[in-house]
Amino acid sequence: MQTLKFHCLVLPFAVSLLSWQVAASCTTDFTPVSQIQGDGTQSPLTGKTLTTQGVVLGTIYPGSKQPSLLIQSLKADSNPTTAEALMIADSQLAALYQPGQLLQLTGTVRELGKMTALTNITASAICAEQQPLPKLQLQLPVKQLTDWEALEGQYLVFPQTLVVNDSYPLARYGEILLADRRLMVATEVTKPGAEAQAFEKQQQLHEIWLDDHSIRQNPEPIPFPTGGLSAEKSVRVGDEVRGIEGFLVQTKAGYRLLPTKAPEFNSANPRSNTPTAKPEGALRVASFNVLNFFTGAGQTPQFPTKRGASNADELVRQQGKMIAALSAMDADIIGLLEVENNGYAADGALATIVRLLNEKLGSTKFAFVETAEKPGTDQIKVALIYRIASVKPVGQPAINLTGPFVRGSRAPLAQSFVHQGSSTELLVSVNHFKSKGSCPKLPGADNDNNDGQSCWNAARVIAAKTLASWLATQPTGQKTTHQLVIGDLNAYRLEDPVTTLEQAGWQHLPGAEPKTAAAHWSYVYKGRSGSLDHALATKTLAEKLVQFEHWHINADEPAVLDYNTEHKSKAQQKNLYAPTPFRSSDHDPLVMDFKF
């Protein structure tokens, strides 16, 4: 069922039951729209009753209970900091007047939400018909964020091709974030601190949210891409959008463009059903976050699980996507993250993954690494699975349950393997450091220092140091110079936890320091792309790397294409789901090939 949008342009007034009247003629004595708007965030004439003129641009939120007109001055003033459009907050007039009509209206100026509006209309008149609509061509980036205030309510046309940067609110609010390029997390490509702050400040000039011109939640069909979203027809971060024009409004959530015609979407970032093919004779290692895979085994009742599927049907859907992704990787060793920490029994999460993967592949091809003790007290754990014909575990599996891994960061798991094809031995450690959220309540080093690294950065740095020291002890009992760290470090490329490992001698894969135009990413958050997932190797192993890839099956996809059924109609539960790798998680897997 559709419900009203809360963060949208909610008009906090009762629609007046005025008896409007058409004036016999239009006067030249009126207050221009630009004077009503002023050059600040609020009108200098708030509370004043006055008369103004403007050409009707159209109606905003026409399907709502409180549609409003937008009018714009036929002739702009000489001050670029004053907006030339104005909202007319009267649903009766919104139904009466048409685009192109020049109106004269008398009413009271108010600030409604974040928009300046004329309310309590006591008189209205049509001064002329078939006036050209004042349309302003705008090219991103804007020069400064205050430019948007000066464009409030106006009809904007974007002549350039824009790029999708975020679709997280698409299913809930009908919105996608557009920019003139892919926007990166600042600390993915610049150093934390002043440099990252300046970089992010500049990026904010490049973006604008495209709204579906509706105030309803959970729209059906989902409006973007044009024609509607489905499991087969996605809109991915990186896709291009052309033909964008519409009205600029300011909501409690920020500025939104309400399109007046359907934009044209181009699949510039197409899906890839499989990673790049593995070179012959290579060893493939992958890292994959399985998005809180919980079977609920051992708890009563079984559902809802503590973090994953809410019911048996969702579990089946989650398994379908997860196994489609794992089976397509063609990996020999896979590090798993966010696996339910409920043991190694047949109905436990890890054993279930391996069983389903083997069923998909048609025989017993994979096994899992089992530790002698429970890997920590967290509800989730990291794990390792491996292809039996490709590698053989040697030594003892090792976990670290000391220091930062007692609470916060998940206990790292290390296992040594022999690559059957080359008789080469290597150690693989899978890791999951403490997240950036749930900030500490008391002041300290783990608070957000506004340097771009968010909360718990100090804890992640300690985890990185502890991990490096632990691996230097050869914890599996097998001495090898070939060591690999994989997993979610909850830190972007140039943040302290990653550089701490580099300072300890680990080489970041694939090797080159990122540049803005060619950075890797495994995660998209609030319109920014970056990699929380990393692979670092000792020098001898890094020299054997022949191929490295972030397989972009998840981060670029709309979240609504995942396995969950909440907030979806029966038809959407069917049309938005397919047992494919796409949106099997919120993180992209890392896939890397070594040749010995």
Foldseek 3Di string as FASTA:
>chain_A
DKDFADQFQDFPDDADPADAEADPADDPPFDAQQQQQDLDQHGPQAFDKTKYKFFWPAWFQLVDPWIWTKGFHPDDDPDLSTAGIAIEGHNVVNVVDDGFWMKMWIAGWHCGARGIHGYPTHYMHGHDGRHDADEAEDEPQDPAPSSLSNHAFHKYWHQAKWFWQDCQQQQFFNKTKIFNFQFAQLLQADAFDPSSVVSVRRVVSGMAMEGQSHRITRDPQRCPPPVGDFQVRFRFGGKIKHGFIATWHATSVGIYGHGPDHIDIGCPPDADQAPDDFPPQWAKEKEEEQQQLFQQPPDPPSAPDPGARRDPQLNVQLLLQVLQHVLRHPHFKYKYWNAFQDFDDCSGRVNVNQVSNQVVVVHNFKDWAHAPDRFEDDRIAMTMMGGPVFKDWDFHKDWDCDDLCNPAWTIKIKTWIQGVSPRDIEMEIETGGGAQDPADPDDDPQQQPNRSLHGPLVSLLVVLVVVLVVVVVVRRPDDDQKYKYWYQSNGFDNRNSNVSNVVSQWAWPPHDRDHRVDGDFFARDPSHTTHRITMTIHPVQNVQWDDKDQNPQARGTHLLLESDDPSHDPVRNPGSYDSGNHNSDRTTMIMTIGHD
